[in-house]
């Protein structure tokens, strides 16, 4: 079974190091933005045939994992 890391790459020479879908210039942030604006998986796949359903899910899993690791620091 593939993990999201099989679909996501971070390369400082591509999109200034933003996490992107492997072998594309489509960032995780792009996908999240499209979904947030109301696009469906099917619409994204139609507009960006270089993506797959698995790569969109990988972007979501990557973002969820990153969100889970965020820590809020407070000062006393």
PDB file of N, CA and C in Angstrom:
ATOM      1  N   UNK A   1       0.840  -1.185   0.000  1.00  0.00           N
ATOM      2  CA  UNK A   1       0.000   0.000   0.000  1.00  0.00           C
ATOM      3  C   UNK A   1       0.885   1.248   0.000  1.00  0.00           C
ATOM      4  N   UNK A   2       0.569   2.203  -0.861  1.00  0.00           N
ATOM      5  CA  UNK A   2       1.327   3.434  -0.940  1.00  0.00           C
ATOM      6  C   UNK A   2       0.895   4.387   0.174  1.00  0.00           C
ATOM      7  N   UNK A   3       1.827   5.214   0.600  1.00  0.00           N
ATOM      8  CA  UNK A   3       1.512   6.257   1.560  1.00  0.00           C
ATOM      9  C   UNK A   3       1.533   7.596   0.821  1.00  0.00           C
ATOM     10  N   UNK A   4       1.108   8.633   1.509  1.00  0.00           N
ATOM     11  CA  UNK A   4       1.100   9.939   0.842  1.00  0.00           C
ATOM     12  C   UNK A   4       2.497  10.370   0.429  1.00  0.00           C
ATOM     13  N   UNK A   5       3.517   9.880   1.096  1.00  0.00           N
ATOM     14  CA  UNK A   5       4.883  10.256   0.727  1.00  0.00           C
ATOM     15  C   UNK A   5       5.284   9.721  -0.649  1.00  0.00           C
ATOM     16  N   UNK A   6       4.572   8.715  -1.143  1.00  0.00           N
ATOM     17  CA  UNK A   6       4.832   8.217  -2.494  1.00  0.00           C
ATOM     18  C   UNK A   6       4.325   9.197  -3.551  1.00  0.00           C
ATOM     19  N   UNK A   7       3.447  10.132  -3.152  1.00  0.00           N
ATOM     20  CA  UNK A   7       2.845  11.076  -4.094  1.00  0.00           C
ATOM     21  C   UNK A   7       3.350  12.504  -3.930  1.00  0.00           C
ATOM     22  N   UNK A   8       3.905  12.827  -2.770  1.00  0.00           N
ATOM     23  CA  UNK A   8       4.290  14.198  -2.460  1.00  0.00           C
ATOM     24  C   UNK A   8       5.811  14.327  -2.506  1.00  0.00           C
ATOM     25  N   UNK A   9       6.282  15.404  -3.110  1.00  0.00           N
ATOM     26  CA  UNK A   9       7.710  15.692  -3.096  1.00  0.00           C
ATOM     27  C   UNK A   9       7.919  17.142  -2.690  1.00  0.00           C
ATOM     28  N   UNK A  10       9.032  17.377  -2.042  1.00  0.00           N
ATOM     29  CA  UNK A  10       9.428  18.739  -1.685  1.00  0.00           C
ATOM     30  C   UNK A  10      10.802  18.959  -2.297  1.00  0.00           C
ATOM     31  N   UNK A  11      10.843  19.855  -3.258  1.00  0.00           N
ATOM     32  CA  UNK A  11      12.069  20.144  -3.998  1.00  0.00           C
ATOM     33  C   UNK A  11      12.252  21.661  -4.007  1.00  0.00           C
ATOM     34  N   UNK A  12      13.350  22.151  -3.462  1.00  0.00           N
ATOM     35  CA  UNK A  12      13.540  23.607  -3.413  1.00  0.00           C
ATOM     36  C   UNK A  12      13.527  24.282  -4.786  1.00  0.00           C
ATOM     37  N   UNK A  13      13.727  23.508  -5.847  1.00  0.00           N
ATOM     38  CA  UNK A  13      13.730  24.069  -7.196  1.00  0.00           C
ATOM     39  C   UNK A  13      12.344  24.060  -7.848  1.00  0.00           C
ATOM     40  N   UNK A  14      11.351  23.516  -7.167  1.00  0.00           N
ATOM     41  CA  UNK A  14       9.992  23.474  -7.706  1.00  0.00           C
ATOM     42  C   UNK A  14       9.070  24.209  -6.751  1.00  0.00           C
ATOM     43  N   UNK A  15       8.424  25.256  -7.250  1.00  0.00           N
ATOM     44  CA  UNK A  15       7.472  26.054  -6.458  1.00  0.00           C
ATOM     45  C   UNK A  15       8.056  26.513  -5.133  1.00  0.00           C
ATOM     46  N   UNK A  16       9.333  26.859  -5.144  1.00  0.00           N
ATOM     47  CA  UNK A  16      10.025  27.394  -3.962  1.00  0.00           C
ATOM     48  C   UNK A  16       9.986  26.443  -2.771  1.00  0.00           C
ATOM     49  N   UNK A  17       9.967  25.139  -3.056  1.00  0.00           N
ATOM     50  CA  UNK A  17      10.003  24.146  -1.994  1.00  0.00           C
ATOM     51  C   UNK A  17       8.665  23.799  -1.380  1.00  0.00           C
ATOM     52  N   UNK A  18       7.580  24.281  -1.981  1.00  0.00           N
ATOM     53  CA  UNK A  18       6.263  23.895  -1.475  1.00  0.00           C
ATOM     54  C   UNK A  18       6.044  22.415  -1.769  1.00  0.00           C
ATOM     55  N   UNK A  19       5.329  21.702  -0.885  1.00  0.00           N
ATOM     56  CA  UNK A  19       5.039  20.304  -1.183  1.00  0.00           C
ATOM     57  C   UNK A  19       4.140  20.205  -2.418  1.00  0.00           C
ATOM     58  N   UNK A  20       4.566  19.405  -3.375  1.00  0.00           N
ATOM     59  CA  UNK A  20       3.847  19.248  -4.645  1.00  0.00           C
ATOM     60  C   UNK A  20       3.585  17.777  -4.928  1.00  0.00           C
ATOM     61  N   UNK A  21       2.629  17.543  -5.798  1.00  0.00           N
ATOM     62  CA  UNK A  21       2.397  16.195  -6.293  1.00  0.00           C
ATOM     63  C   UNK A  21       3.594  15.833  -7.170  1.00  0.00           C
ATOM     64  N   UNK A  22       4.133  14.675  -6.922  1.00  0.00           N
ATOM     65  CA  UNK A  22       5.334  14.211  -7.623  1.00  0.00           C
ATOM     66  C   UNK A  22       5.177  14.336  -9.145  1.00  0.00           C
ATOM     67  N   UNK A  23       6.221  14.819  -9.780  1.00  0.00           N
ATOM     68  CA  UNK A  23       6.307  14.992 -11.241  1.00  0.00           C
ATOM     69  C   UNK A  23       5.323  16.017 -11.795  1.00  0.00           C
ATOM     70  N   UNK A  24       4.838  16.918 -10.926  1.00  0.00           N
ATOM     71  CA  UNK A  24       4.010  18.039 -11.380  1.00  0.00           C
ATOM     72  C   UNK A  24       4.478  19.288 -10.653  1.00  0.00           C
ATOM     73  N   UNK A  25       3.882  20.408 -11.004  1.00  0.00           N
ATOM     74  CA  UNK A  25       4.105  21.656 -10.279  1.00  0.00           C
ATOM     75  C   UNK A  25       2.847  22.028  -9.496  1.00  0.00           C
ATOM     76  N   UNK A  26       1.980  21.061  -9.273  1.00  0.00           N
ATOM     77  CA  UNK A  26       0.735  21.285  -8.537  1.00  0.00           C
ATOM     78  C   UNK A  26       1.010  21.061  -7.056  1.00  0.00           C
ATOM     79  N   UNK A  27       0.799  22.130  -6.266  1.00  0.00           N
ATOM     80  CA  UNK A  27       1.117  22.040  -4.846  1.00  0.00           C
ATOM     81  C   UNK A  27      -0.059  21.483  -4.044  1.00  0.00           C
ATOM     82  N   UNK A  28       0.277  20.991  -2.868  1.00  0.00           N
ATOM     83  CA  UNK A  28      -0.758  20.550  -1.927  1.00  0.00           C
ATOM     84  C   UNK A  28      -1.696  21.719  -1.641  1.00  0.00           C
ATOM     85  N   UNK A  29      -1.133  22.910  -1.484  1.00  0.00           N
ATOM     86  CA  UNK A  29      -1.944  24.102  -1.243  1.00  0.00           C
ATOM     87  C   UNK A  29      -2.915  24.401  -2.369  1.00  0.00           C
ATOM     88  N   UNK A  30      -2.490  24.168  -3.618  1.00  0.00           N
ATOM     89  CA  UNK A  30      -3.398  24.351  -4.759  1.00  0.00           C
ATOM     90  C   UNK A  30      -4.614  23.447  -4.608  1.00  0.00           C
ATOM     91  N   UNK A  31      -4.356  22.181  -4.320  1.00  0.00           N
ATOM     92  CA  UNK A  31      -5.440  21.200  -4.203  1.00  0.00           C
ATOM     93  C   UNK A  31      -6.367  21.557  -3.054  1.00  0.00           C
ATOM     94  N   UNK A  32      -5.793  21.930  -1.913  1.00  0.00           N
ATOM     95  CA  UNK A  32      -6.627  22.326  -0.777  1.00  0.00           C
ATOM     96  C   UNK A  32      -7.480  23.539  -1.122  1.00  0.00           C
ATOM     97  N   UNK A  33      -6.895  24.490  -1.815  1.00  0.00           N
ATOM     98  CA  UNK A  33      -7.642  25.680  -2.221  1.00  0.00           C
ATOM     99  C   UNK A  33      -8.793  25.355  -3.153  1.00  0.00           C
ATOM    100  N   UNK A  34      -8.547  24.468  -4.114  1.00  0.00           N
ATOM    101  CA  UNK A  34      -9.618  24.077  -5.035  1.00  0.00           C
ATOM    102  C   UNK A  34     -10.751  23.394  -4.299  1.00  0.00           C
ATOM    103  N   UNK A  35     -10.407  22.485  -3.401  1.00  0.00           N
ATOM    104  CA  UNK A  35     -11.438  21.791  -2.623  1.00  0.00           C
ATOM    105  C   UNK A  35     -12.197  22.782  -1.732  1.00  0.00           C
ATOM    106  N   UNK A  36     -11.475  23.704  -1.117  1.00  0.00           N
ATOM    107  CA  UNK A  36     -12.111  24.702  -0.244  1.00  0.00           C
ATOM    108  C   UNK A  36     -13.053  25.613  -1.025  1.00  0.00           C
ATOM    109  N   UNK A  37     -12.739  25.851  -2.294  1.00  0.00           N
ATOM    110  CA  UNK A  37     -13.594  26.721  -3.108  1.00  0.00           C
ATOM    111  C   UNK A  37     -14.823  25.990  -3.637  1.00  0.00           C
ATOM    112  N   UNK A  38     -14.896  24.685  -3.374  1.00  0.00           N
ATOM    113  CA  UNK A  38     -16.083  23.933  -3.768  1.00  0.00           C
ATOM    114  C   UNK A  38     -15.893  22.990  -4.934  1.00  0.00           C
ATOM    115  N   UNK A  39     -14.698  22.941  -5.504  1.00  0.00           N
ATOM    116  CA  UNK A  39     -14.473  21.993  -6.598  1.00  0.00           C
ATOM    117  C   UNK A  39     -14.576  20.571  -6.063  1.00  0.00           C
ATOM    118  N   UNK A  40     -15.120  19.696  -6.864  1.00  0.00           N
ATOM    119  CA  UNK A  40     -15.184  18.283  -6.491  1.00  0.00           C
ATOM    120  C   UNK A  40     -13.924  17.581  -6.975  1.00  0.00           C
ATOM    121  N   UNK A  41     -13.707  16.392  -6.452  1.00  0.00           N
ATOM    122  CA  UNK A  41     -12.577  15.586  -6.928  1.00  0.00           C
ATOM    123  C   UNK A  41     -12.675  15.420  -8.444  1.00  0.00           C
ATOM    124  N   UNK A  42     -13.877  15.146  -8.925  1.00  0.00           N
ATOM    125  CA  UNK A  42     -14.080  14.904 -10.352  1.00  0.00           C
ATOM    126  C   UNK A  42     -13.730  16.139 -11.186  1.00  0.00           C
ATOM    127  N   UNK A  43     -14.117  17.325 -10.702  1.00  0.00           N
ATOM    128  CA  UNK A  43     -13.790  18.554 -11.431  1.00  0.00           C
ATOM    129  C   UNK A  43     -12.287  18.790 -11.464  1.00  0.00           C
ATOM    130  N   UNK A  44     -11.616  18.533 -10.361  1.00  0.00           N
ATOM    131  CA  UNK A  44     -10.159  18.699 -10.323  1.00  0.00           C
ATOM    132  C   UNK A  44      -9.502  17.734 -11.304  1.00  0.00           C
ATOM    133  N   UNK A  45      -9.948  16.484 -11.295  1.00  0.00           N
ATOM    134  CA  UNK A  45      -9.366  15.486 -12.205  1.00  0.00           C
ATOM    135  C   UNK A  45      -9.626  15.843 -13.663  1.00  0.00           C
ATOM    136  N   UNK A  46     -10.774  16.444 -13.935  1.00  0.00           N
ATOM    137  CA  UNK A  46     -11.091  16.851 -15.303  1.00  0.00           C
ATOM    138  C   UNK A  46     -10.195  18.011 -15.742  1.00  0.00           C
ATOM    139  N   UNK A  47      -9.975  18.970 -14.838  1.00  0.00           N
ATOM    140  CA  UNK A  47      -9.148  20.136 -15.169  1.00  0.00           C
ATOM    141  C   UNK A  47      -7.651  19.826 -15.161  1.00  0.00           C
ATOM    142  N   UNK A  48      -7.251  18.846 -14.366  1.00  0.00           N
ATOM    143  CA  UNK A  48      -5.835  18.514 -14.210  1.00  0.00           C
ATOM    144  C   UNK A  48      -5.642  17.003 -14.379  1.00  0.00           C
ATOM    145  N   UNK A  49      -5.656  16.530 -15.608  1.00  0.00           N
ATOM    146  CA  UNK A  49      -5.584  15.082 -15.854  1.00  0.00           C
ATOM    147  C   UNK A  49      -4.288  14.426 -15.399  1.00  0.00           C
ATOM    148  N   UNK A  50      -3.263  15.244 -15.090  1.00  0.00           N
ATOM    149  CA  UNK A  50      -2.021  14.671 -14.587  1.00  0.00           C
ATOM    150  C   UNK A  50      -2.161  14.200 -13.142  1.00  0.00           C
ATOM    151  N   UNK A  51      -3.253  14.582 -12.482  1.00  0.00           N
ATOM    152  CA  UNK A  51      -3.524  14.119 -11.123  1.00  0.00           C
ATOM    153  C   UNK A  51      -4.323  12.827 -11.160  1.00  0.00           C
ATOM    154  N   UNK A  52      -4.328  12.143 -10.029  1.00  0.00           N
ATOM    155  CA  UNK A  52      -5.164  10.948  -9.863  1.00  0.00           C
ATOM    156  C   UNK A  52      -5.950  11.120  -8.571  1.00  0.00           C
ATOM    157  N   UNK A  53      -6.966  10.323  -8.405  1.00  0.00           N
ATOM    158  CA  UNK A  53      -7.736  10.351  -7.171  1.00  0.00           C
ATOM    159  C   UNK A  53      -6.816  10.102  -5.982  1.00  0.00           C
ATOM    160  N   UNK A  54      -5.880   9.180  -6.147  1.00  0.00           N
ATOM    161  CA  UNK A  54      -4.938   8.853  -5.076  1.00  0.00           C
ATOM    162  C   UNK A  54      -4.034  10.039  -4.739  1.00  0.00           C
ATOM    163  N   UNK A  55      -3.626  10.808  -5.742  1.00  0.00           N
ATOM    164  CA  UNK A  55      -2.756  11.951  -5.468  1.00  0.00           C
ATOM    165  C   UNK A  55      -3.519  13.057  -4.740  1.00  0.00           C
ATOM    166  N   UNK A  56      -4.794  13.235  -5.039  1.00  0.00           N
ATOM    167  CA  UNK A  56      -5.613  14.213  -4.306  1.00  0.00           C
ATOM    168  C   UNK A  56      -5.776  13.759  -2.862  1.00  0.00           C
ATOM    169  N   UNK A  57      -6.048  12.492  -2.662  1.00  0.00           N
ATOM    170  CA  UNK A  57      -6.163  11.965  -1.296  1.00  0.00           C
ATOM    171  C   UNK A  57      -4.829  12.070  -0.555  1.00  0.00           C
ATOM    172  N   UNK A  58      -3.733  11.876  -1.264  1.00  0.00           N
ATOM    173  CA  UNK A  58      -2.414  12.009  -0.651  1.00  0.00           C
ATOM    174  C   UNK A  58      -2.193  13.448  -0.187  1.00  0.00           C
ATOM    175  N   UNK A  59      -2.633  14.416  -0.983  1.00  0.00           N
ATOM    176  CA  UNK A  59      -2.505  15.821  -0.583  1.00  0.00           C
ATOM    177  C   UNK A  59      -3.297  16.083   0.689  1.00  0.00           C
ATOM    178  N   UNK A  60      -4.492  15.531   0.782  1.00  0.00           N
ATOM    179  CA  UNK A  60      -5.304  15.690   1.991  1.00  0.00           C
ATOM    180  C   UNK A  60      -4.641  15.025   3.190  1.00  0.00           C
ATOM    181  N   UNK A  61      -4.111  13.832   2.991  1.00  0.00           N
ATOM    182  CA  UNK A  61      -3.454  13.113   4.086  1.00  0.00           C
ATOM    183  C   UNK A  61      -2.209  13.871   4.543  1.00  0.00           C
ATOM    184  N   UNK A  62      -1.450  14.402   3.596  1.00  0.00           N
ATOM    185  CA  UNK A  62      -0.258  15.185   3.932  1.00  0.00           C
ATOM    186  C   UNK A  62      -0.644  16.400   4.766  1.00  0.00           C
ATOM    187  N   UNK A  63      -1.679  17.126   4.324  1.00  0.00           N
ATOM    188  CA  UNK A  63      -2.119  18.316   5.051  1.00  0.00           C
ATOM    189  C   UNK A  63      -2.640  17.954   6.435  1.00  0.00           C
ATOM    190  N   UNK A  64      -3.371  16.856   6.546  1.00  0.00           N
ATOM    191  CA  UNK A  64      -3.887  16.422   7.848  1.00  0.00           C
ATOM    192  C   UNK A  64      -2.738  16.061   8.782  1.00  0.00           C
ATOM    193  N   UNK A  65      -1.748  15.379   8.257  1.00  0.00           N
ATOM    194  CA  UNK A  65      -0.594  14.993   9.069  1.00  0.00           C
ATOM    195  C   UNK A  65       0.172  16.225   9.526  1.00  0.00           C
ATOM    196  N   UNK A  66       0.344  17.170   8.630  1.00  0.00           N
ATOM    197  CA  UNK A  66       1.044  18.401   8.975  1.00  0.00           C
ATOM    198  C   UNK A  66       0.247  19.185  10.026  1.00  0.00           C
ATOM    199  N   UNK A  67      -1.045  19.244   9.869  1.00  0.00           N
ATOM    200  CA  UNK A  67      -1.900  19.935  10.840  1.00  0.00           C
ATOM    201  C   UNK A  67      -1.803  19.283  12.216  1.00  0.00           C
ATOM    202  N   UNK A  68      -1.756  17.972  12.224  1.00  0.00           N
ATOM    203  CA  UNK A  68      -1.668  17.228  13.487  1.00  0.00           C
ATOM    204  C   UNK A  68      -0.368  17.527  14.222  1.00  0.00           C
ATOM    205  N   UNK A  69       0.669  17.864  13.490  1.00  0.00           N
ATOM    206  CA  UNK A  69       1.973  18.073  14.115  1.00  0.00           C
ATOM    207  C   UNK A  69       2.206  19.525  14.560  1.00  0.00           C
ATOM    208  N   UNK A  70       1.274  20.421  14.254  1.00  0.00           N
ATOM    209  CA  UNK A  70       1.428  21.818  14.651  1.00  0.00           C
ATOM    210  C   UNK A  70       1.236  21.954  16.157  1.00  0.00           C
ATOM    211  N   UNK A  71       2.142  22.670  16.755  1.00  0.00           N
ATOM    212  CA  UNK A  71       2.085  22.943  18.189  1.00  0.00           C
ATOM    213  C   UNK A  71       1.956  24.448  18.385  1.00  0.00           C
ATOM    214  N   UNK A  72       1.105  24.836  19.299  1.00  0.00           N
ATOM    215  CA  UNK A  72       0.945  26.250  19.609  1.00  0.00           C
ATOM    216  C   UNK A  72       1.734  26.541  20.869  1.00  0.00           C
ATOM    217  N   UNK A  73       2.624  27.484  20.761  1.00  0.00           N
ATOM    218  CA  UNK A  73       3.446  27.885  21.904  1.00  0.00           C
ATOM    219  C   UNK A  73       2.837  29.133  22.539  1.00  0.00           C
ATOM    220  N   UNK A  74       2.679  29.093  23.821  1.00  0.00           N
ATOM    221  CA  UNK A  74       2.179  30.263  24.538  1.00  0.00           C
ATOM    222  C   UNK A  74       3.207  30.704  25.547  1.00  0.00           C
ATOM    223  N   UNK A  75       3.196  31.974  25.827  1.00  0.00           N
ATOM    224  CA  UNK A  75       4.109  32.478  26.847  1.00  0.00           C
ATOM    225  C   UNK A  75       3.316  32.793  28.117  1.00  0.00           C
ATOM    226  N   UNK A  76       3.940  32.603  29.215  1.00  0.00           N
ATOM    227  CA  UNK A  76       3.247  32.813  30.490  1.00  0.00           C
ATOM    228  C   UNK A  76       3.339  34.239  30.935  1.00  0.00           C
TER     229      UNK A  76
END
